[in-house]
Structure formats: C-alpha cells, structure tokens
Amino acid sequence: MLKDILIHPVLISLIVISLAFGLKALVDKLAKERAEKKQLDVRNTSHNIKHFINFIMMLLLLSIWAAEIQNFALSIAAFAVAIVIATREFIQCVIGFFYLVTTRPFKIGDWIQVGDYFGEVVETDWIKTTLHEIDINTYQFSRKTVYIPNNKLITSAIKNLNFSKRYVTHHFMIVRKESLNPYSIYETLSNKAKHYCEDFIDVAGRYNSVIERKLDAQVSGPEPEIYFGTTEIGEFKASFTLFCPIEKALDIEHKLTKDFMTLWYKELSKQNTKA
C-alpha cells in the first residue's frame, strides 16, 4: 500500500514541480548575487537556464503521465479536431516560442518594435513576450507593460532597435508658411548644430563605424545634417538629422528649434523692413 502511494503519478509530479520551482528560485538568487558582485547584466542567461528547467520538467511530467495521457487521448479521439481548434491560439504561441528560441531575433534587455509597440524586452515564456513600453518619440519609458502573445511574433515584423539604446539617429522637422530665402540662415544654423554635437562627435564617430560594420551598410552620421525643401502643399520645410546620445536628442532638438525660429524671424523682419 505504502509502495503504491510512493510511486503514484500525482506524488511524483508534485515532487518534480517542487524541485523545478526550487531550482528556478536558486537560479534567480545566484543571478542577483552575481549581478551585484560583478556588475553584469545576467538576466538573459538566467532566463535561458529557467527555460531549460521548464523544458526538463515538462519532459519528466509527460513521461510520468504517458500511460494516462495515452488512455485519455484514445477516449476523446472523437473530439480531437474540436480540441485542436479550441487550443489553436495556445499552440501557435508555443510554436512562436520555439521560433524565438531557434532564430534569436532579440534577447532580454534589447529594444524592439513589434507592430506598433516599442519596448525593452524583460521576459519571454512559452505564451508571451513582456515589454516595458518606450515612447519612441521621446525615448523614455512610458511606465506601461506590454504583453505580446508569441504567435504575433510569427505574423508581425520584428525590428531590433538595440543600436538605439545609446546613440540614435534623431529626425525632426520644422514647417513654416512664410515666404523667405532660407539659405541666408543655413550656414549659421549648420554651425550651431555642429557646436551642440562637438562634445560627443568623436565617440559618435566610433559608434557609427561599429554599427556600419555590423550592419554592413552605410548609415547617416556622425555629422549633423540639415536639408531645406517644401511640403506637398508648397510650405517651407527644414529637416534635421542628428546622430547623438539618446539622452541629448530632445535637448539638441529644442536648442536648434529655438535657433531656427530666432534666425527665421530675424530674416523675415529684415525682408519686411526692406519692403
């Protein structure tokens, strides 16, 4: 009697699950200690180890319950199609997880875009990928958490924005309705842009070279670029492109906008005086 109880699948399953959760708790503890001691980001390694523990646990549980599962499957053969349809989304999410594991389009800590969602990857599991949402216009965390089902990662394009975590190619535009020759202010505005970027231009150049080597393609930067043109309805348009540290992008945009407006209205005032 005691022997039957000891080998009962429920008891063995509870032991396996308890051991798995214990090991995952131990991995979390060791990872935090290592991160604090060596100042390293070990979240990705920790998540991979926990996924491996989950995989082993699932294999053990399947082997323990193999006979019961087989009997159950035979008893519900008539409902197999309905079950597959009912669990289709879940199955797709699991397939999506294996897609992530095999293709590795991103890792924990990367910035990514999936559809209209931007964020930093903080966790992946069998069903979902968790992001801390980022406002891509301000490069700030929105304090929102986004949960993306793994099946969406198969049907949607994934953009890895990890190169934008330190330096970003920042674009902004200024549109004016007044009629004015803008090239009288171009040189002054260009010098202003170079002045705001001179503190980090050497580091930006090296970082830009690293990105070009990894992408095997030429990207804009590190020098700031300014282009004048018109919109579809004929209004004046000034387009700015900056390759700068992410924390300075908005500050430089505000300074250049202020300089542009000052120079623009100064030239406009001169034009009106002559008229």
C-alpha atoms as a PDB file:
ATOM      1  CA  MET A   1       0.000   0.000   0.000  1.00  0.00           C
ATOM      2  CA  LEU A   2       2.757   2.438   1.010  1.00  0.00           C
ATOM      3  CA  LYS A   3       4.725   1.487  -2.096  1.00  0.00           C
ATOM      4  CA  ASP A   4       1.731   2.289  -4.346  1.00  0.00           C
ATOM      5  CA  ILE A   5       1.372   5.696  -2.702  1.00  0.00           C
ATOM      6  CA  LEU A   6       5.071   6.482  -3.142  1.00  0.00           C
ATOM      7  CA  ILE A   7       5.004   5.719  -6.883  1.00  0.00           C
ATOM      8  CA  HIS A   8       1.661   7.418  -7.530  1.00  0.00           C
ATOM      9  CA  PRO A   9       1.988   9.825 -10.504  1.00  0.00           C
ATOM     10  CA  VAL A  10       0.429  12.725  -8.582  1.00  0.00           C
ATOM     11  CA  LEU A  11       3.003  12.471  -5.787  1.00  0.00           C
ATOM     12  CA  ILE A  12       5.910  12.142  -8.219  1.00  0.00           C
ATOM     13  CA  SER A  13       4.575  15.074 -10.269  1.00  0.00           C
ATOM     14  CA  LEU A  14       4.387  17.269  -7.157  1.00  0.00           C
ATOM     15  CA  ILE A  15       7.976  16.375  -6.293  1.00  0.00           C
ATOM     16  CA  VAL A  16       9.173  17.201  -9.837  1.00  0.00           C
ATOM     17  CA  ILE A  17       7.306  20.524  -9.852  1.00  0.00           C
ATOM     18  CA  SER A  18       8.618  21.449  -6.400  1.00  0.00           C
ATOM     19  CA  LEU A  19      12.194  20.675  -7.440  1.00  0.00           C
ATOM     20  CA  ALA A  20      11.790  22.730 -10.637  1.00  0.00           C
ATOM     21  CA  PHE A  21      10.460  25.771  -8.776  1.00  0.00           C
ATOM     22  CA  GLY A  22      13.202  25.384  -6.174  1.00  0.00           C
ATOM     23  CA  LEU A  23      15.890  25.302  -8.853  1.00  0.00           C
ATOM     24  CA  LYS A  24      14.433  28.380 -10.562  1.00  0.00           C
ATOM     25  CA  ALA A  25      14.387  30.265  -7.258  1.00  0.00           C
ATOM     26  CA  LEU A  26      18.020  29.259  -6.712  1.00  0.00           C
ATOM     27  CA  VAL A  27      18.931  30.468 -10.231  1.00  0.00           C
ATOM     28  CA  ASP A  28      17.282  33.851  -9.518  1.00  0.00           C
ATOM     29  CA  LYS A  29      19.184  34.174  -6.251  1.00  0.00           C
ATOM     30  CA  LEU A  30      22.545  33.262  -7.778  1.00  0.00           C
ATOM     31  CA  ALA A  31      21.939  35.570 -10.757  1.00  0.00           C
ATOM     32  CA  LYS A  32      21.174  38.539  -8.479  1.00  0.00           C
ATOM     33  CA  GLU A  33      24.266  37.854  -6.378  1.00  0.00           C
ATOM     34  CA  ARG A  34      26.452  37.627  -9.490  1.00  0.00           C
ATOM     35  CA  ALA A  35      24.920  40.805 -10.935  1.00  0.00           C
ATOM     36  CA  GLU A  36      25.561  42.721  -7.703  1.00  0.00           C
ATOM     37  CA  LYS A  37      29.088  41.325  -7.267  1.00  0.00           C
ATOM     38  CA  LYS A  38      30.399  41.690 -10.841  1.00  0.00           C
ATOM     39  CA  GLN A  39      28.095  44.456 -12.106  1.00  0.00           C
ATOM     40  CA  LEU A  40      26.963  42.319 -15.059  1.00  0.00           C
ATOM     41  CA  ASP A  41      23.586  42.005 -16.746  1.00  0.00           C
ATOM     42  CA  VAL A  42      22.874  38.266 -16.373  1.00  0.00           C
ATOM     43  CA  ARG A  43      19.121  38.430 -16.974  1.00  0.00           C
ATOM     44  CA  ASN A  44      19.366  36.747 -20.362  1.00  0.00           C
ATOM     45  CA  THR A  45      21.455  33.824 -19.014  1.00  0.00           C
ATOM     46  CA  SER A  46      19.104  33.455 -16.056  1.00  0.00           C
ATOM     47  CA  HIS A  47      16.055  33.285 -18.328  1.00  0.00           C
ATOM     48  CA  ASN A  48      17.697  30.687 -20.585  1.00  0.00           C
ATOM     49  CA  ILE A  49      18.510  28.451 -17.608  1.00  0.00           C
ATOM     50  CA  LYS A  50      14.939  28.722 -16.307  1.00  0.00           C
ATOM     51  CA  HIS A  51      13.548  27.863 -19.748  1.00  0.00           C
ATOM     52  CA  PHE A  52      15.784  24.776 -19.788  1.00  0.00           C
ATOM     53  CA  ILE A  53      14.496  23.774 -16.324  1.00  0.00           C
ATOM     54  CA  ASN A  54      10.909  24.206 -17.556  1.00  0.00           C
ATOM     55  CA  PHE A  55      11.680  22.058 -20.608  1.00  0.00           C
ATOM     56  CA  ILE A  56      13.134  19.239 -18.469  1.00  0.00           C
ATOM     57  CA  MET A  57      10.168  19.481 -16.091  1.00  0.00           C
ATOM     58  CA  MET A  58       7.710  19.138 -18.993  1.00  0.00           C
ATOM     59  CA  LEU A  59       9.567  16.095 -20.333  1.00  0.00           C
ATOM     60  CA  LEU A  60       9.517  14.424 -16.906  1.00  0.00           C
ATOM     61  CA  LEU A  61       5.816  15.160 -16.402  1.00  0.00           C
ATOM     62  CA  LEU A  62       4.993  13.785 -19.845  1.00  0.00           C
ATOM     63  CA  SER A  63       6.926  10.588 -19.116  1.00  0.00           C
ATOM     64  CA  ILE A  64       5.215  10.203 -15.725  1.00  0.00           C
ATOM     65  CA  TRP A  65       1.735  10.660 -17.181  1.00  0.00           C
ATOM     66  CA  ALA A  66       2.405   8.944 -20.537  1.00  0.00           C
ATOM     67  CA  ALA A  67       0.072   5.995 -19.889  1.00  0.00           C
ATOM     68  CA  GLU A  68      -2.728   8.199 -18.552  1.00  0.00           C
ATOM     69  CA  ILE A  69      -2.340  10.638 -21.432  1.00  0.00           C
ATOM     70  CA  GLN A  70      -2.473   7.821 -23.969  1.00  0.00           C
ATOM     71  CA  ASN A  71      -5.666   6.408 -22.436  1.00  0.00           C
ATOM     72  CA  PHE A  72      -7.183   9.868 -22.267  1.00  0.00           C
ATOM     73  CA  ALA A  73      -6.279  10.558 -25.908  1.00  0.00           C
ATOM     74  CA  LEU A  74      -7.919   7.349 -27.036  1.00  0.00           C
ATOM     75  CA  SER A  75     -11.066   8.156 -25.080  1.00  0.00           C
ATOM     76  CA  ILE A  76     -11.502  11.576 -26.672  1.00  0.00           C
ATOM     77  CA  ALA A  77     -10.454  10.699 -30.226  1.00  0.00           C
ATOM     78  CA  ALA A  78     -13.853  11.848 -31.497  1.00  0.00           C
ATOM     79  CA  PHE A  79     -13.206  15.339 -30.079  1.00  0.00           C
ATOM     80  CA  ALA A  80      -9.619  15.697 -31.287  1.00  0.00           C
ATOM     81  CA  VAL A  81     -10.435  18.172 -34.044  1.00  0.00           C
ATOM     82  CA  ALA A  82     -12.512  20.345 -31.718  1.00  0.00           C
ATOM     83  CA  ILE A  83      -9.724  20.389 -29.130  1.00  0.00           C
ATOM     84  CA  VAL A  84      -7.145  21.440 -31.712  1.00  0.00           C
ATOM     85  CA  ILE A  85      -9.376  24.277 -32.881  1.00  0.00           C
ATOM     86  CA  ALA A  86     -10.099  25.366 -29.306  1.00  0.00           C
ATOM     87  CA  THR A  87      -6.403  25.443 -28.385  1.00  0.00           C
ATOM     88  CA  ARG A  88      -5.175  26.835 -31.694  1.00  0.00           C
ATOM     89  CA  GLU A  89      -4.037  30.165 -30.248  1.00  0.00           C
ATOM     90  CA  PHE A  90      -2.216  28.437 -27.398  1.00  0.00           C
ATOM     91  CA  ILE A  91      -0.457  26.044 -29.805  1.00  0.00           C
ATOM     92  CA  GLN A  92       0.555  28.954 -32.030  1.00  0.00           C
ATOM     93  CA  CYS A  93       2.033  30.746 -29.012  1.00  0.00           C
ATOM     94  CA  VAL A  94       4.102  27.672 -28.116  1.00  0.00           C
ATOM     95  CA  ILE A  95       5.288  27.405 -31.736  1.00  0.00           C
ATOM     96  CA  GLY A  96       6.129  31.113 -31.582  1.00  0.00           C
ATOM     97  CA  PHE A  97       8.265  30.472 -28.504  1.00  0.00           C
ATOM     98  CA  PHE A  98      10.260  27.793 -30.328  1.00  0.00           C
ATOM     99  CA  TYR A  99      10.641  30.264 -33.207  1.00  0.00           C
ATOM    100  CA  LEU A 100      12.172  32.779 -30.787  1.00  0.00           C
ATOM    101  CA  VAL A 101      14.499  30.188 -29.273  1.00  0.00           C
ATOM    102  CA  THR A 102      15.767  28.942 -32.647  1.00  0.00           C
ATOM    103  CA  THR A 103      16.070  32.254 -34.558  1.00  0.00           C
ATOM    104  CA  ARG A 104      17.093  34.519 -31.639  1.00  0.00           C
ATOM    105  CA  PRO A 105      15.836  37.814 -33.173  1.00  0.00           C
ATOM    106  CA  PHE A 106      16.370  39.500 -29.799  1.00  0.00           C
ATOM    107  CA  LYS A 107      17.444  38.808 -26.238  1.00  0.00           C
ATOM    108  CA  ILE A 108      16.482  40.058 -22.774  1.00  0.00           C
ATOM    109  CA  GLY A 109      17.337  43.757 -22.472  1.00  0.00           C
ATOM    110  CA  ASP A 110      17.072  44.542 -26.206  1.00  0.00           C
ATOM    111  CA  TRP A 111      14.879  47.337 -27.517  1.00  0.00           C
ATOM    112  CA  ILE A 112      12.469  46.029 -30.156  1.00  0.00           C
ATOM    113  CA  GLN A 113       9.434  47.076 -32.186  1.00  0.00           C
ATOM    114  CA  VAL A 114       6.612  44.615 -32.847  1.00  0.00           C
ATOM    115  CA  GLY A 115       3.806  46.160 -34.888  1.00  0.00           C
ATOM    116  CA  ASP A 116       3.013  49.499 -33.240  1.00  0.00           C
ATOM    117  CA  TYR A 117       4.637  48.574 -29.925  1.00  0.00           C
ATOM    118  CA  PHE A 118       8.111  49.686 -28.846  1.00  0.00           C
ATOM    119  CA  GLY A 119       9.787  48.490 -25.688  1.00  0.00           C
ATOM    120  CA  GLU A 120      12.596  46.798 -23.819  1.00  0.00           C
ATOM    121  CA  VAL A 121      12.325  43.011 -23.569  1.00  0.00           C
ATOM    122  CA  VAL A 122      12.158  41.998 -19.910  1.00  0.00           C
ATOM    123  CA  GLU A 123      10.878  38.424 -20.114  1.00  0.00           C
ATOM    124  CA  THR A 124       9.878  35.667 -22.535  1.00  0.00           C
ATOM    125  CA  ASP A 125       7.990  32.483 -21.768  1.00  0.00           C
ATOM    126  CA  TRP A 126       6.042  29.808 -23.612  1.00  0.00           C
ATOM    127  CA  ILE A 127       2.994  32.033 -24.158  1.00  0.00           C
ATOM    128  CA  LYS A 128       4.033  35.676 -24.242  1.00  0.00           C
ATOM    129  CA  THR A 129       6.837  38.211 -24.506  1.00  0.00           C
ATOM    130  CA  THR A 130       6.832  41.025 -21.940  1.00  0.00           C
ATOM    131  CA  LEU A 131       7.991  44.552 -22.839  1.00  0.00           C
ATOM    132  CA  HIS A 132       8.458  47.718 -20.837  1.00  0.00           C
ATOM    133  CA  GLU A 133       6.914  50.176 -23.288  1.00  0.00           C
ATOM    134  CA  ILE A 134       9.032  53.036 -24.670  1.00  0.00           C
ATOM    135  CA  ASP A 135       7.777  56.238 -26.283  1.00  0.00           C
ATOM    136  CA  ILE A 136       9.886  56.195 -29.447  1.00  0.00           C
ATOM    137  CA  ASN A 137       9.440  59.966 -29.905  1.00  0.00           C
ATOM    138  CA  THR A 138      10.952  60.868 -26.514  1.00  0.00           C
ATOM    139  CA  TYR A 139      12.991  57.678 -25.891  1.00  0.00           C
ATOM    140  CA  GLN A 140      11.505  57.464 -22.395  1.00  0.00           C
ATOM    141  CA  PHE A 141       9.781  54.556 -20.653  1.00  0.00           C
ATOM    142  CA  SER A 142       6.022  55.085 -20.557  1.00  0.00           C
ATOM    143  CA  ARG A 143       5.645  53.151 -17.250  1.00  0.00           C
ATOM    144  CA  LYS A 144       3.401  50.661 -19.081  1.00  0.00           C
ATOM    145  CA  THR A 145       3.962  46.944 -19.537  1.00  0.00           C
ATOM    146  CA  VAL A 146       3.040  45.314 -22.860  1.00  0.00           C
ATOM    147  CA  TYR A 147       2.334  41.585 -23.123  1.00  0.00           C
ATOM    148  CA  ILE A 148       2.653  40.300 -26.697  1.00  0.00           C
ATOM    149  CA  PRO A 149       1.396  36.764 -27.474  1.00  0.00           C
ATOM    150  CA  ASN A 150       4.183  34.763 -29.069  1.00  0.00           C
ATOM    151  CA  ASN A 151       2.038  33.955 -32.124  1.00  0.00           C
ATOM    152  CA  LYS A 152       2.149  37.680 -33.026  1.00  0.00           C
ATOM    153  CA  LEU A 153       5.937  37.421 -33.315  1.00  0.00           C
ATOM    154  CA  ILE A 154       5.493  34.982 -36.217  1.00  0.00           C
ATOM    155  CA  THR A 155       2.981  37.066 -38.165  1.00  0.00           C
ATOM    156  CA  SER A 156       4.433  40.530 -37.405  1.00  0.00           C
ATOM    157  CA  ALA A 157       7.765  42.042 -38.391  1.00  0.00           C
ATOM    158  CA  ILE A 158      10.246  42.335 -35.512  1.00  0.00           C
ATOM    159  CA  LYS A 159      12.600  45.327 -35.512  1.00  0.00           C
ATOM    160  CA  ASN A 160      15.617  45.076 -33.209  1.00  0.00           C
ATOM    161  CA  LEU A 161      16.374  48.630 -32.042  1.00  0.00           C
ATOM    162  CA  ASN A 162      19.271  47.695 -29.775  1.00  0.00           C
ATOM    163  CA  PHE A 163      21.672  50.036 -31.593  1.00  0.00           C
ATOM    164  CA  SER A 164      19.387  52.895 -30.484  1.00  0.00           C
ATOM    165  CA  LYS A 165      19.894  52.285 -26.764  1.00  0.00           C
ATOM    166  CA  ARG A 166      22.982  54.548 -26.586  1.00  0.00           C
ATOM    167  CA  TYR A 167      23.085  56.609 -29.779  1.00  0.00           C
ATOM    168  CA  VAL A 168      20.124  57.337 -32.015  1.00  0.00           C
ATOM    169  CA  THR A 169      19.611  58.805 -35.469  1.00  0.00           C
ATOM    170  CA  HIS A 170      17.163  61.517 -34.454  1.00  0.00           C
ATOM    171  CA  HIS A 171      14.991  63.159 -37.119  1.00  0.00           C
ATOM    172  CA  PHE A 172      12.777  66.204 -36.702  1.00  0.00           C
ATOM    173  CA  MET A 173      11.195  68.760 -38.995  1.00  0.00           C
ATOM    174  CA  ILE A 174      10.147  72.440 -38.870  1.00  0.00           C
ATOM    175  CA  VAL A 175       7.496  73.742 -41.293  1.00  0.00           C
ATOM    176  CA  ARG A 176       6.827  77.443 -41.953  1.00  0.00           C
ATOM    177  CA  LYS A 177       4.214  79.165 -44.134  1.00  0.00           C
ATOM    178  CA  GLU A 178       6.054  82.482 -44.658  1.00  0.00           C
ATOM    179  CA  SER A 179       7.916  83.125 -47.918  1.00  0.00           C
ATOM    180  CA  LEU A 180      11.643  83.602 -47.297  1.00  0.00           C
ATOM    181  CA  ASN A 181      15.003  82.624 -48.786  1.00  0.00           C
ATOM    182  CA  PRO A 182      16.166  80.140 -46.104  1.00  0.00           C
ATOM    183  CA  TYR A 183      19.754  79.755 -47.341  1.00  0.00           C
ATOM    184  CA  SER A 184      20.755  83.044 -45.715  1.00  0.00           C
ATOM    185  CA  ILE A 185      20.485  81.276 -42.346  1.00  0.00           C
ATOM    186  CA  TYR A 186      21.765  77.852 -43.430  1.00  0.00           C
ATOM    187  CA  GLU A 187      25.444  78.306 -42.553  1.00  0.00           C
ATOM    188  CA  THR A 188      24.720  79.790 -39.126  1.00  0.00           C
ATOM    189  CA  LEU A 189      22.217  77.042 -38.345  1.00  0.00           C
ATOM    190  CA  SER A 190      24.651  74.346 -39.512  1.00  0.00           C
ATOM    191  CA  ASN A 191      27.411  75.765 -37.293  1.00  0.00           C
ATOM    192  CA  LYS A 192      25.027  75.781 -34.339  1.00  0.00           C
ATOM    193  CA  ALA A 193      24.213  72.107 -34.919  1.00  0.00           C
ATOM    194  CA  LYS A 194      27.908  71.177 -35.109  1.00  0.00           C
ATOM    195  CA  HIS A 195      28.591  73.146 -31.928  1.00  0.00           C
ATOM    196  CA  TYR A 196      25.912  71.241 -29.993  1.00  0.00           C
ATOM    197  CA  CYS A 197      27.400  67.926 -31.187  1.00  0.00           C
ATOM    198  CA  GLU A 198      31.103  68.658 -30.733  1.00  0.00           C
ATOM    199  CA  ASP A 199      31.281  67.263 -27.162  1.00  0.00           C
ATOM    200  CA  PHE A 200      30.486  63.722 -28.332  1.00  0.00           C
ATOM    201  CA  ILE A 201      31.392  63.797 -32.043  1.00  0.00           C
ATOM    202  CA  ASP A 202      34.474  61.542 -31.627  1.00  0.00           C
ATOM    203  CA  VAL A 203      32.606  58.880 -29.656  1.00  0.00           C
ATOM    204  CA  ALA A 204      29.669  59.142 -32.067  1.00  0.00           C
ATOM    205  CA  GLY A 205      32.023  58.567 -34.993  1.00  0.00           C
ATOM    206  CA  ARG A 206      33.429  55.382 -33.455  1.00  0.00           C
ATOM    207  CA  TYR A 207      29.971  54.115 -32.533  1.00  0.00           C
ATOM    208  CA  ASN A 208      28.708  54.910 -36.021  1.00  0.00           C
ATOM    209  CA  SER A 209      31.593  52.884 -37.507  1.00  0.00           C
ATOM    210  CA  VAL A 210      30.756  49.907 -35.279  1.00  0.00           C
ATOM    211  CA  ILE A 211      27.118  49.993 -36.446  1.00  0.00           C
ATOM    212  CA  GLU A 212      28.162  50.201 -40.108  1.00  0.00           C
ATOM    213  CA  ARG A 213      30.480  47.185 -39.715  1.00  0.00           C
ATOM    214  CA  LYS A 214      27.811  45.092 -38.010  1.00  0.00           C
ATOM    215  CA  LEU A 215      25.088  46.050 -40.479  1.00  0.00           C
ATOM    216  CA  ASP A 216      27.448  46.002 -43.471  1.00  0.00           C
ATOM    217  CA  ALA A 217      25.740  49.170 -44.677  1.00  0.00           C
ATOM    218  CA  GLN A 218      26.354  52.900 -44.547  1.00  0.00           C
ATOM    219  CA  VAL A 219      24.198  54.880 -42.113  1.00  0.00           C
ATOM    220  CA  SER A 220      23.851  58.615 -41.554  1.00  0.00           C
ATOM    221  CA  GLY A 221      26.167  60.314 -39.078  1.00  0.00           C
ATOM    222  CA  PRO A 222      28.023  61.354 -37.130  1.00  0.00           C
ATOM    223  CA  GLU A 223      27.911  64.887 -38.596  1.00  0.00           C
ATOM    224  CA  PRO A 224      24.510  66.635 -38.217  1.00  0.00           C
ATOM    225  CA  GLU A 225      22.627  67.144 -41.470  1.00  0.00           C
ATOM    226  CA  ILE A 226      20.152  69.891 -42.415  1.00  0.00           C
ATOM    227  CA  TYR A 227      18.041  69.880 -45.579  1.00  0.00           C
ATOM    228  CA  PHE A 228      15.677  72.562 -46.850  1.00  0.00           C
ATOM    229  CA  GLY A 229      12.699  71.717 -49.003  1.00  0.00           C
ATOM    230  CA  THR A 230       8.934  72.073 -49.364  1.00  0.00           C
ATOM    231  CA  THR A 231       5.916  70.076 -48.317  1.00  0.00           C
ATOM    232  CA  GLU A 232       3.306  68.686 -50.714  1.00  0.00           C
ATOM    233  CA  ILE A 233       1.301  71.916 -50.416  1.00  0.00           C
ATOM    234  CA  GLY A 234       4.319  74.174 -51.037  1.00  0.00           C
ATOM    235  CA  GLU A 235       5.159  75.225 -47.467  1.00  0.00           C
ATOM    236  CA  PHE A 236       8.801  75.549 -46.406  1.00  0.00           C
ATOM    237  CA  LYS A 237      10.272  72.522 -44.617  1.00  0.00           C
ATOM    238  CA  ALA A 238      13.564  72.218 -42.721  1.00  0.00           C
ATOM    239  CA  SER A 239      14.623  68.623 -41.997  1.00  0.00           C
ATOM    240  CA  PHE A 240      17.248  67.885 -39.331  1.00  0.00           C
ATOM    241  CA  THR A 241      19.128  64.593 -38.793  1.00  0.00           C
ATOM    242  CA  LEU A 242      21.306  64.155 -35.704  1.00  0.00           C
ATOM    243  CA  PHE A 243      23.366  61.163 -34.589  1.00  0.00           C
ATOM    244  CA  CYS A 244      23.632  61.768 -30.875  1.00  0.00           C
ATOM    245  CA  PRO A 245      23.355  60.183 -27.412  1.00  0.00           C
ATOM    246  CA  ILE A 246      19.775  59.251 -26.723  1.00  0.00           C
ATOM    247  CA  GLU A 247      19.591  61.402 -23.586  1.00  0.00           C
ATOM    248  CA  LYS A 248      20.649  64.541 -25.519  1.00  0.00           C
ATOM    249  CA  ALA A 249      18.435  64.152 -28.586  1.00  0.00           C
ATOM    250  CA  LEU A 250      15.444  66.180 -27.365  1.00  0.00           C
ATOM    251  CA  ASP A 251      17.632  68.844 -25.744  1.00  0.00           C
ATOM    252  CA  ILE A 252      19.520  69.455 -29.009  1.00  0.00           C
ATOM    253  CA  GLU A 253      16.227  69.458 -30.936  1.00  0.00           C
ATOM    254  CA  HIS A 254      14.853  72.184 -28.646  1.00  0.00           C
ATOM    255  CA  LYS A 255      18.026  74.284 -28.991  1.00  0.00           C
ATOM    256  CA  LEU A 256      18.068  74.020 -32.786  1.00  0.00           C
ATOM    257  CA  THR A 257      14.355  74.826 -32.976  1.00  0.00           C
ATOM    258  CA  LYS A 258      14.947  77.942 -30.866  1.00  0.00           C
ATOM    259  CA  ASP A 259      17.912  78.974 -33.043  1.00  0.00           C
ATOM    260  CA  PHE A 260      15.946  78.360 -36.250  1.00  0.00           C
ATOM    261  CA  MET A 261      12.988  80.456 -35.082  1.00  0.00           C
ATOM    262  CA  THR A 262      15.272  83.279 -33.946  1.00  0.00           C
ATOM    263  CA  LEU A 263      17.146  83.362 -37.258  1.00  0.00           C
ATOM    264  CA  TRP A 264      13.988  82.890 -39.311  1.00  0.00           C
ATOM    265  CA  TYR A 265      12.074  85.797 -37.774  1.00  0.00           C
ATOM    266  CA  LYS A 266      15.182  87.984 -37.851  1.00  0.00           C
ATOM    267  CA  GLU A 267      15.472  87.476 -41.607  1.00  0.00           C
ATOM    268  CA  LEU A 268      11.730  87.900 -42.016  1.00  0.00           C
ATOM    269  CA  SER A 269      11.904  91.201 -40.159  1.00  0.00           C
ATOM    270  CA  LYS A 270      14.699  92.389 -42.457  1.00  0.00           C
ATOM    271  CA  GLN A 271      12.664  91.421 -45.510  1.00  0.00           C
ATOM    272  CA  ASN A 272       9.603  93.320 -44.253  1.00  0.00           C
ATOM    273  CA  THR A 273      11.726  96.406 -43.447  1.00  0.00           C
ATOM    274  CA  LYS A 274      13.138  96.474 -46.986  1.00  0.00           C
ATOM    275  CA  ALA A 275       9.650  96.097 -48.410  1.00  0.00           C
END
